Amino acid sequence: MLGNDTAPARAGADGDAGGDQVFQVEGHGIDPIPDGERHGGAKDLFWLWFGSNLTFTYVINGALAVAFGLSFWQATAVVVIGGLSFFAISAAGLSGVRTGTATLVISRAAFGVRGNWPAGLLNWVVSIGYTIVNTVVGALALEAFLAELGWSGGHLPRALALAVTLTLTFAVALWGHATVQWAERWAAYALALGFAALLLFVLPGADTTAPAAAPGASAWSLAFVVMLAGPFSYVPMPADYTRYLPRTTSLKALTWSGGLGGLVSSVALGVAGVAAATQTDMTDAVAGTSALLPGWFQPLFLALVLGGSVTNSIITLYSSSLNLQVLGIPWSRARAIVISAIVTAAGSLGALFLTDFTTSLLSFLSLLIIVFAPWGGVFLADMVLRRCTYDSAALHAGADGAYWYRGGWHPAGLTALLAGMVFAAVTCDSALWTGPLVAPLGGADLSLLGAVVSAAVHLLLARRTARPLGT
């Protein structure tokens, strides 16, 4: 069985929204959303991407850019370029509007129904990894808050902090799409005010002088890899949050609304991290940032870290449940999400109690690009070739559909993916793996270009098999 494509719709009180209701368990999974249940508008995407990216992870990423040797202005430029990538992520959501289904169902067109499975598994693993990262950041912030209240020492406060963070994330993601969008919007209001205050406290003291030595290719490339890892991790998700939008929703409206949301929040927090790193030791980013803040604001700051971590984890955990259906778990979305929650909890326990978190975070982020960049290159190139037109029924038809290709595998898409991943692997410079071409390249990490390689190969090989409908 290739996925729970035929889950019944849940009736809702609002005829326009069908079963997609706030605080009701969403009945749909990866099955196509009927036109009669489509609702909302492109403006909803601004709040989704804005709220979900008000996460302290971007502060850490900005600080890492400075730690690699970049100056304030150089690191800020990398942060802005990374934020601009959200326009591409948002534009990819048009596929959800056209098909009414999730991104990792649509990618069957690029890789074949069976060929989509290995890439889907890798995407699920990395998606859960990113959920773990944000869960741990939130739990550490809540633990620090408990310490300020006088409860510190031993493992119990940390375990309680982790349990609270996981519960907040799981509850919202379990209810589903409407509740996720509602939570992201209202959380964004509060988090935006708090993080704006954080920026006002941190930015004036930033050291904007140039470093004594100009950063080399290695510093620049590592900074870009870390900064783009977050946006690239969303490539398998945008259609998950546009599949309920009416078919009349335009590409321009999607691109601007979602792109601006992700750009504003990621750049603001990234610059905060850059500014903080020029003033204090950010090895422990939460403690380092807290040291720059007035005493009365520190409890609020910890609440911001917790809230931002939860809002980001919500969308990755929600998408992971759809991913599991694509992989063939014969359960409803609400039941499938329990698997992701259990794996997230286990990984978070390991990160908090068994390993050094800062080292694990850097290693994880630096390896993300090996998977997401090539996969994203193939998926986006395939969208361009097809002009974002798909046979929606064939995406769910298995062997009887147009996307079965050769025994369920699309040679062009898989060859392109493999080519991009090989290029990314041999040019990757991370704590866990250093590719053989890194030294000859002067220490530069070119793994980002894996997306370009995979896209170019797919455009060359799939010109006949990936064509717009009707041609």
Protein backbone atom coordinates (compact mmCIF):
# COMPACT_ATOMS: atom_id res chain seq x y z
CA MET A 1 0.00 0.00 0.00
CA LEU A 2 1.48 3.34 -1.05
CA GLY A 3 -0.38 5.69 1.26
CA ASN A 4 -3.68 6.58 2.85
CA ASP A 5 -4.88 8.58 -0.16
CA THR A 6 -8.56 7.98 0.42
CA ALA A 7 -9.07 9.12 4.02
CA PRO A 8 -12.64 10.43 4.35
CA ALA A 9 -13.25 14.13 4.82
CA ARG A 10 -14.51 15.28 8.18
CA ALA A 11 -17.65 17.36 8.05
CA GLY A 12 -17.35 20.80 9.58
CA ALA A 13 -19.70 23.48 10.76
CA ASP A 14 -18.45 25.98 8.18
CA GLY A 15 -19.47 24.94 4.68
CA ASP A 16 -16.66 26.96 3.12
CA ALA A 17 -14.01 25.29 5.23
CA GLY A 18 -15.46 21.78 5.18
CA GLY A 19 -13.71 19.63 7.78
CA ASP A 20 -10.79 22.02 8.23
CA GLN A 21 -11.84 23.58 11.53
CA VAL A 22 -9.87 25.08 14.41
CA PHE A 23 -9.68 22.73 17.41
CA GLN A 24 -11.20 19.86 15.44
CA VAL A 25 -9.08 16.93 14.30
CA GLU A 26 -8.52 17.36 10.57
CA GLY A 27 -10.06 14.49 8.62
CA HIS A 28 -7.99 14.88 5.47
CA GLY A 29 -4.52 13.54 4.95
CA ILE A 30 -2.79 13.34 1.60
CA ASP A 31 -6.08 12.74 -0.24
CA PRO A 32 -6.95 15.64 -2.61
CA ILE A 33 -8.92 18.47 -1.01
CA PRO A 34 -12.25 18.89 -2.85
CA ASP A 35 -12.98 22.31 -4.34
CA GLY A 36 -15.98 22.69 -2.05
CA GLU A 37 -13.72 22.53 1.01
CA ARG A 38 -11.10 24.99 -0.26
CA HIS A 39 -10.91 28.24 1.71
CA GLY A 40 -8.62 31.02 2.84
CA GLY A 41 -6.31 33.27 0.87
CA ALA A 42 -2.67 33.90 0.08
CA LYS A 43 -2.41 36.35 3.00
CA ASP A 44 -2.71 33.39 5.37
CA LEU A 45 0.70 32.23 4.16
CA PHE A 46 2.34 35.40 5.43
CA TRP A 47 1.39 34.53 9.01
CA LEU A 48 2.25 30.86 8.58
CA TRP A 49 5.82 31.50 7.38
CA PHE A 50 6.31 34.58 9.55
CA GLY A 51 5.19 32.89 12.75
CA SER A 52 6.91 29.57 12.16
CA ASN A 53 10.25 31.29 11.52
CA LEU A 54 10.24 33.43 14.65
CA THR A 55 12.51 30.79 16.10
CA PHE A 56 15.73 31.18 18.05
CA THR A 57 17.46 28.84 15.61
CA TYR A 58 18.04 31.85 13.32
CA VAL A 59 19.76 33.69 16.17
CA ILE A 60 22.08 30.70 16.53
CA ASN A 61 22.69 30.63 12.77
CA GLY A 62 23.58 34.32 12.71
CA ALA A 63 25.99 33.82 15.59
CA LEU A 64 27.62 30.90 13.79
CA ALA A 65 28.30 33.10 10.75
CA VAL A 66 30.35 35.42 12.98
CA ALA A 67 32.05 32.44 14.63
CA PHE A 68 33.21 31.32 11.18
CA GLY A 69 35.06 34.63 10.81
CA LEU A 70 32.61 36.97 9.05
CA SER A 71 32.20 40.60 10.12
CA PHE A 72 28.87 42.09 11.16
CA TRP A 73 28.06 43.39 7.67
CA GLN A 74 29.30 40.28 5.90
CA ALA A 75 27.26 38.00 8.14
CA THR A 76 24.23 40.26 7.73
CA ALA A 77 24.51 39.96 3.95
CA VAL A 78 24.49 36.16 4.24
CA VAL A 79 21.43 36.36 6.52
CA VAL A 80 19.53 38.50 3.99
CA ILE A 81 20.41 36.23 1.07
CA GLY A 82 19.23 33.26 3.08
CA GLY A 83 15.95 35.04 3.83
CA LEU A 84 15.35 35.76 0.15
CA SER A 85 15.23 32.02 -0.54
CA PHE A 86 11.79 31.96 1.11
CA PHE A 87 10.35 33.45 -2.08
CA ALA A 88 11.28 30.25 -3.94
CA ILE A 89 9.89 28.11 -1.12
CA SER A 90 6.62 30.03 -1.16
CA ALA A 91 6.31 29.88 -4.96
CA ALA A 92 6.56 26.09 -4.78
CA GLY A 93 3.25 26.15 -2.91
CA LEU A 94 1.46 26.67 -6.24
CA SER A 95 1.68 22.91 -6.73
CA GLY A 96 -0.60 22.45 -3.70
CA VAL A 97 -3.15 24.89 -5.10
CA ARG A 98 -3.20 23.03 -8.43
CA THR A 99 -3.44 19.50 -6.99
CA GLY A 100 -4.98 19.84 -3.52
CA THR A 101 -2.43 17.46 -2.03
CA ALA A 102 0.88 17.42 -0.14
CA THR A 103 4.31 18.20 -1.58
CA LEU A 104 5.65 14.69 -1.13
CA VAL A 105 2.73 13.31 -3.12
CA ILE A 106 3.37 15.79 -5.93
CA SER A 107 7.04 14.77 -6.02
CA ARG A 108 5.90 11.36 -7.30
CA ALA A 109 5.74 13.09 -10.66
CA ALA A 110 9.47 13.83 -10.48
CA PHE A 111 10.72 10.53 -9.06
CA GLY A 112 8.00 7.98 -9.81
CA VAL A 113 5.61 6.46 -7.29
CA ARG A 114 8.16 3.97 -5.99
CA GLY A 115 11.18 6.15 -6.67
CA ASN A 116 9.63 8.80 -4.46
CA TRP A 117 9.82 6.50 -1.45
CA PRO A 118 13.59 6.66 -0.70
CA ALA A 119 13.65 10.44 -1.04
CA GLY A 120 10.49 10.65 1.07
CA LEU A 121 12.13 8.59 3.79
CA LEU A 122 15.23 10.82 3.79
CA ASN A 123 13.03 13.91 3.95
CA TRP A 124 11.10 12.48 6.89
CA VAL A 125 14.31 11.73 8.77
CA VAL A 126 15.70 15.23 8.23
CA SER A 127 12.33 16.84 9.01
CA ILE A 128 12.21 15.00 12.32
CA GLY A 129 15.80 16.05 12.93
CA TYR A 130 14.89 19.70 12.56
CA THR A 131 11.90 19.21 14.88
CA ILE A 132 14.29 17.75 17.45
CA VAL A 133 16.62 20.75 17.12
CA ASN A 134 13.83 23.22 17.84
CA THR A 135 12.34 21.08 20.59
CA VAL A 136 15.69 20.97 22.39
CA VAL A 137 16.16 24.74 22.09
CA GLY A 138 12.70 25.29 23.59
CA ALA A 139 13.29 22.79 26.39
CA LEU A 140 16.61 24.42 27.34
CA ALA A 141 14.91 27.81 27.50
CA LEU A 142 12.14 26.49 29.73
CA GLU A 143 14.73 24.77 31.94
CA ALA A 144 16.54 28.10 32.33
CA PHE A 145 13.24 29.74 33.25
CA LEU A 146 12.64 27.11 35.93
CA ALA A 147 16.16 27.76 37.24
CA GLU A 148 15.33 31.45 37.64
CA LEU A 149 12.34 30.39 39.72
CA GLY A 150 14.71 28.48 41.98
CA TRP A 151 14.27 24.97 40.61
CA SER A 152 17.59 23.74 39.27
CA GLY A 153 19.88 20.77 39.57
CA GLY A 154 19.34 17.17 38.55
CA HIS A 155 17.57 15.84 35.49
CA LEU A 156 13.97 16.43 36.63
CA PRO A 157 13.65 20.11 35.60
CA ARG A 158 15.07 19.36 32.16
CA ALA A 159 12.78 16.36 31.72
CA LEU A 160 9.75 18.45 32.71
CA ALA A 161 10.78 21.22 30.32
CA LEU A 162 11.04 18.70 27.49
CA ALA A 163 7.64 17.20 28.32
CA VAL A 164 5.94 20.63 28.27
CA THR A 165 7.59 21.61 24.97
CA LEU A 166 6.60 18.34 23.31
CA THR A 167 3.03 18.56 24.58
CA LEU A 168 2.50 22.08 23.23
CA THR A 169 3.87 21.05 19.84
CA PHE A 170 2.00 17.77 19.56
CA ALA A 171 -1.40 19.14 20.61
CA VAL A 172 -1.54 21.75 17.86
CA ALA A 173 -0.07 19.51 15.14
CA LEU A 174 -2.51 16.72 16.05
CA TRP A 175 -5.55 18.93 15.47
CA GLY A 176 -4.31 19.70 11.98
CA HIS A 177 -4.17 22.34 9.27
CA ALA A 178 -6.71 24.90 10.50
CA THR A 179 -5.40 24.83 14.07
CA VAL A 180 -1.80 25.06 12.85
CA GLN A 181 -2.60 28.21 10.85
CA TRP A 182 -4.59 29.71 13.73
CA ALA A 183 -1.79 29.02 16.24
CA GLU A 184 0.91 30.42 13.95
CA ARG A 185 -1.02 33.66 13.42
CA TRP A 186 -1.73 34.38 17.09
CA ALA A 187 1.70 33.27 18.26
CA ALA A 188 3.22 35.59 15.65
CA TYR A 189 1.54 38.63 17.20
CA ALA A 190 3.12 38.04 20.59
CA LEU A 191 6.46 36.72 19.38
CA ALA A 192 6.95 39.60 16.93
CA LEU A 193 6.63 42.17 19.70
CA GLY A 194 9.01 40.28 21.95
CA PHE A 195 11.67 39.66 19.35
CA ALA A 196 11.44 43.28 18.18
CA ALA A 197 12.31 44.32 21.74
CA LEU A 198 15.18 41.80 21.73
CA LEU A 199 16.56 43.35 18.57
CA LEU A 200 16.38 46.83 20.11
CA PHE A 201 18.39 45.63 23.12
CA VAL A 202 21.06 43.74 21.15
CA LEU A 203 21.58 45.75 17.98
CA PRO A 204 22.92 49.08 19.37
CA GLY A 205 25.98 47.42 20.93
CA ALA A 206 27.01 45.49 17.82
CA ASP A 207 30.64 45.75 16.73
CA THR A 208 30.46 46.72 13.06
CA THR A 209 34.22 47.04 12.50
CA ALA A 210 35.88 44.75 9.97
CA PRO A 211 37.84 41.73 11.27
CA ALA A 212 41.64 41.85 11.32
CA ALA A 213 41.87 39.15 8.66
CA ALA A 214 39.53 38.78 5.70
CA PRO A 215 37.46 35.58 5.89
CA GLY A 216 38.40 32.86 3.42
CA ALA A 217 36.27 30.74 1.11
CA SER A 218 35.66 28.22 3.87
CA ALA A 219 34.13 30.82 6.21
CA TRP A 220 31.83 32.20 3.51
CA SER A 221 30.68 28.83 2.27
CA LEU A 222 30.01 27.42 5.76
CA ALA A 223 28.00 30.53 6.66
CA PHE A 224 25.84 30.12 3.57
CA VAL A 225 25.31 26.43 4.21
CA VAL A 226 24.16 27.02 7.80
CA MET A 227 21.96 29.99 6.84
CA LEU A 228 20.25 28.23 3.94
CA ALA A 229 19.77 24.91 5.72
CA GLY A 230 16.62 26.22 7.41
CA PRO A 231 14.84 27.51 4.29
CA PHE A 232 15.91 24.47 2.25
CA SER A 233 14.42 22.16 4.88
CA TYR A 234 10.99 23.54 3.94
CA VAL A 235 11.19 22.52 0.26
CA PRO A 236 9.20 19.28 0.91
CA MET A 237 6.45 21.22 2.76
CA PRO A 238 4.95 24.27 0.97
CA ALA A 239 2.05 22.45 -0.72
CA ASP A 240 1.05 21.00 2.66
CA TYR A 241 -0.14 24.50 3.61
CA THR A 242 -1.57 25.64 0.26
CA ARG A 243 -3.62 22.58 -0.63
CA TYR A 244 -6.73 24.07 0.99
CA LEU A 245 -6.49 27.36 -0.93
CA PRO A 246 -8.94 27.98 -3.82
CA ARG A 247 -7.67 27.10 -7.29
CA THR A 248 -7.93 30.78 -8.25
CA THR A 249 -5.08 31.71 -5.89
CA SER A 250 -2.33 33.26 -8.01
CA LEU A 251 1.38 32.48 -8.11
CA LYS A 252 2.21 36.15 -7.52
CA ALA A 253 0.06 36.36 -4.39
CA LEU A 254 1.50 33.10 -3.01
CA THR A 255 5.08 34.10 -3.67
CA TRP A 256 4.89 37.55 -2.12
CA SER A 257 2.83 36.61 0.93
CA GLY A 258 4.80 33.58 2.02
CA GLY A 259 8.16 34.94 0.89
CA LEU A 260 7.80 38.18 2.86
CA GLY A 261 6.70 36.28 5.95
CA GLY A 262 9.77 34.04 5.99
CA LEU A 263 12.13 36.85 4.95
CA VAL A 264 11.13 39.32 7.67
CA SER A 265 11.28 36.92 10.60
CA SER A 266 14.40 34.99 9.58
CA VAL A 267 16.39 38.14 8.75
CA ALA A 268 15.39 39.98 11.93
CA LEU A 269 16.43 37.10 14.17
CA GLY A 270 19.50 36.27 12.11
CA VAL A 271 20.74 39.86 12.45
CA ALA A 272 20.07 39.68 16.19
CA GLY A 273 22.34 36.64 16.35
CA VAL A 274 25.02 38.40 14.32
CA ALA A 275 24.89 41.45 16.59
CA ALA A 276 25.01 39.34 19.75
CA ALA A 277 28.01 37.33 18.52
CA THR A 278 30.06 40.52 18.04
CA GLN A 279 29.56 41.37 21.73
CA THR A 280 29.67 38.14 23.74
CA ASP A 281 30.50 34.45 23.70
CA MET A 282 27.65 32.64 21.92
CA THR A 283 28.86 29.07 22.47
CA ASP A 284 25.72 28.73 24.58
CA ALA A 285 23.51 30.99 22.46
CA VAL A 286 20.65 31.27 24.95
CA ALA A 287 22.95 32.19 27.84
CA GLY A 288 25.06 34.49 25.67
CA THR A 289 22.05 36.45 24.39
CA SER A 290 20.49 36.58 27.84
CA ALA A 291 23.65 38.24 29.20
CA LEU A 292 23.05 41.21 26.88
CA LEU A 293 19.52 41.83 28.12
CA PRO A 294 18.22 43.75 31.15
CA GLY A 295 17.30 41.55 34.07
CA TRP A 296 13.58 42.25 33.89
CA PHE A 297 13.44 41.12 30.24
CA GLN A 298 15.26 37.81 30.69
CA PRO A 299 12.20 35.74 31.72
CA LEU A 300 10.33 37.15 28.71
CA PHE A 301 13.29 36.29 26.51
CA LEU A 302 13.19 32.66 27.64
CA ALA A 303 9.46 32.58 26.90
CA LEU A 304 10.23 33.89 23.39
CA VAL A 305 12.76 31.12 22.80
CA LEU A 306 10.24 28.52 23.95
CA GLY A 307 7.40 29.98 21.88
CA GLY A 308 9.48 30.29 18.72
CA SER A 309 10.72 26.73 19.02
CA VAL A 310 7.19 25.42 19.40
CA THR A 311 5.80 27.37 16.42
CA ASN A 312 8.54 26.01 14.17
CA SER A 313 8.24 22.46 15.44
CA ILE A 314 4.48 22.50 14.87
CA ILE A 315 4.72 22.81 11.08
CA THR A 316 7.54 20.29 10.71
CA LEU A 317 5.75 17.76 12.91
CA TYR A 318 2.47 18.28 11.03
CA SER A 319 4.16 17.77 7.65
CA SER A 320 5.93 14.67 8.93
CA SER A 321 2.55 12.99 9.50
CA LEU A 322 1.61 13.58 5.85
CA ASN A 323 5.06 12.28 4.89
CA LEU A 324 4.40 9.02 6.71
CA GLN A 325 1.20 8.53 4.74
CA VAL A 326 3.20 9.01 1.53
CA LEU A 327 5.61 6.33 2.75
CA GLY A 328 2.70 3.91 3.05
CA ILE A 329 1.65 4.02 6.71
CA PRO A 330 -2.00 2.87 6.41
CA TRP A 331 -3.24 5.19 9.14
CA SER A 332 -5.00 8.53 9.25
CA ARG A 333 -2.85 11.65 9.52
CA ALA A 334 -3.82 12.06 13.19
CA ARG A 335 -2.67 8.53 14.03
CA ALA A 336 0.48 8.74 11.93
CA ILE A 337 1.65 11.84 13.77
CA VAL A 338 2.04 9.75 16.93
CA ILE A 339 4.98 7.94 15.28
CA SER A 340 6.71 11.24 14.51
CA ALA A 341 6.05 12.48 18.05
CA ILE A 342 7.60 9.37 19.60
CA VAL A 343 10.73 9.59 17.42
CA THR A 344 11.02 13.33 18.17
CA ALA A 345 10.78 12.65 21.90
CA ALA A 346 13.45 9.94 21.73
CA GLY A 347 15.80 12.14 19.69
CA SER A 348 15.29 15.10 21.99
CA LEU A 349 16.09 12.95 25.03
CA GLY A 350 19.34 11.89 23.39
CA ALA A 351 20.28 15.45 22.45
CA LEU A 352 19.57 16.76 25.96
CA PHE A 353 21.05 13.99 28.07
CA LEU A 354 23.63 12.12 25.95
CA THR A 355 25.44 14.57 23.61
CA ASP A 356 26.80 18.10 23.45
CA PHE A 357 23.97 20.08 21.88
CA THR A 358 25.98 22.85 20.19
CA THR A 359 28.22 20.34 18.41
CA SER A 360 25.25 18.21 17.40
CA LEU A 361 23.37 21.24 16.04
CA LEU A 362 26.26 22.42 13.89
CA SER A 363 26.89 18.93 12.54
CA PHE A 364 23.23 18.42 11.74
CA LEU A 365 22.76 21.75 9.96
CA SER A 366 25.91 21.32 7.91
CA LEU A 367 24.73 17.93 6.61
CA LEU A 368 21.12 18.96 5.87
CA ILE A 369 22.08 20.47 2.55
CA ILE A 370 23.33 17.15 1.14
CA VAL A 371 19.74 15.88 1.09
CA PHE A 372 17.59 18.96 0.70
CA ALA A 373 19.51 20.90 -1.93
CA PRO A 374 19.55 18.16 -4.60
CA TRP A 375 15.99 17.04 -3.81
CA GLY A 376 14.78 20.62 -4.05
CA GLY A 377 16.65 21.12 -7.31
CA VAL A 378 14.89 18.16 -8.95
CA PHE A 379 11.46 19.04 -7.56
CA LEU A 380 11.62 22.70 -8.61
CA ALA A 381 13.07 21.86 -12.03
CA ASP A 382 10.26 19.35 -12.55
CA MET A 383 7.70 22.03 -11.65
CA VAL A 384 9.20 24.33 -14.26
CA LEU A 385 9.19 21.65 -16.95
CA ARG A 386 5.54 20.85 -16.25
CA ARG A 387 4.59 24.51 -15.75
CA CYS A 388 3.15 23.30 -12.45
CA THR A 389 0.43 21.24 -14.15
CA TYR A 390 -0.18 17.73 -12.87
CA ASP A 391 -2.60 14.87 -13.41
CA SER A 392 -3.97 14.95 -9.87
CA ALA A 393 -5.65 11.55 -10.14
CA ALA A 394 -2.45 9.94 -11.43
CA LEU A 395 -0.52 11.13 -8.36
CA HIS A 396 -2.64 8.73 -6.30
CA ALA A 397 -3.22 6.01 -8.91
CA GLY A 398 -0.12 3.85 -8.41
CA ALA A 399 0.62 1.47 -11.27
CA ASP A 400 -2.43 2.66 -13.22
CA GLY A 401 -1.26 6.28 -13.37
CA ALA A 402 0.98 8.34 -15.62
CA TYR A 403 3.66 8.67 -12.94
CA TRP A 404 4.46 4.97 -12.69
CA TYR A 405 7.14 5.26 -15.43
CA ARG A 406 9.39 2.17 -15.38
CA GLY A 407 8.13 -0.11 -12.65
CA GLY A 408 7.32 2.88 -10.46
CA TRP A 409 10.71 4.56 -10.92
CA HIS A 410 11.47 7.70 -12.95
CA PRO A 411 15.06 7.25 -14.17
CA ALA A 412 15.54 10.92 -15.04
CA GLY A 413 14.52 12.26 -11.64
CA LEU A 414 16.42 9.66 -9.65
CA THR A 415 19.57 10.05 -11.74
CA ALA A 416 19.42 13.81 -11.24
CA LEU A 417 18.90 13.39 -7.48
CA LEU A 418 21.84 11.02 -7.18
CA ALA A 419 24.08 13.33 -9.23
CA GLY A 420 23.23 16.28 -6.98
CA MET A 421 23.73 14.30 -3.78
CA VAL A 422 27.11 12.98 -4.94
CA PHE A 423 28.26 16.49 -5.83
CA ALA A 424 27.03 17.83 -2.48
CA ALA A 425 28.73 15.00 -0.58
CA VAL A 426 32.14 15.38 -2.20
CA THR A 427 32.13 19.16 -1.67
CA CYS A 428 30.67 19.17 1.86
CA ASP A 429 32.74 20.36 4.80
CA SER A 430 31.10 19.45 8.11
CA ALA A 431 32.02 18.16 11.53
CA LEU A 432 30.80 14.69 10.57
CA TRP A 433 32.03 14.49 6.99
CA THR A 434 34.55 16.29 4.81
CA GLY A 435 34.30 15.63 1.09
CA PRO A 436 37.44 14.79 -0.91
CA LEU A 437 37.13 17.95 -3.03
CA VAL A 438 37.04 20.38 -0.09
CA ALA A 439 40.84 20.61 0.28
CA PRO A 440 41.52 21.14 -3.45
CA LEU A 441 38.88 23.90 -3.40
CA GLY A 442 40.74 25.76 -0.68
CA GLY A 443 38.40 24.66 2.09
CA ALA A 444 35.24 25.93 0.35
CA ASP A 445 31.98 24.05 0.95
CA LEU A 446 30.08 23.99 -2.37
CA SER A 447 27.38 21.52 -1.29
CA LEU A 448 24.70 24.16 -1.94
CA LEU A 449 25.41 23.81 -5.63
CA GLY A 450 24.07 20.27 -5.43
CA ALA A 451 20.69 21.87 -6.15
CA VAL A 452 22.01 23.43 -9.35
CA VAL A 453 23.61 20.17 -10.45
CA SER A 454 20.47 18.11 -9.84
CA ALA A 455 18.23 20.70 -11.50
CA ALA A 456 20.46 20.88 -14.58
CA VAL A 457 20.62 17.09 -14.92
CA HIS A 458 16.84 16.78 -14.54
CA LEU A 459 16.17 19.51 -17.10
CA LEU A 460 18.42 17.66 -19.53
CA LEU A 461 17.06 14.14 -18.94
CA ALA A 462 13.35 14.79 -18.31
CA ARG A 463 12.47 17.04 -21.23
CA ARG A 464 10.29 14.31 -22.77
CA THR A 465 8.82 12.70 -19.65
CA ALA A 466 8.11 15.88 -17.62
CA ARG A 467 5.91 18.00 -19.88
CA PRO A 468 2.87 20.21 -19.23
CA LEU A 469 -0.52 18.49 -19.43
CA GLY A 470 -1.97 18.60 -22.92
CA THR A 471 1.38 18.65 -24.74
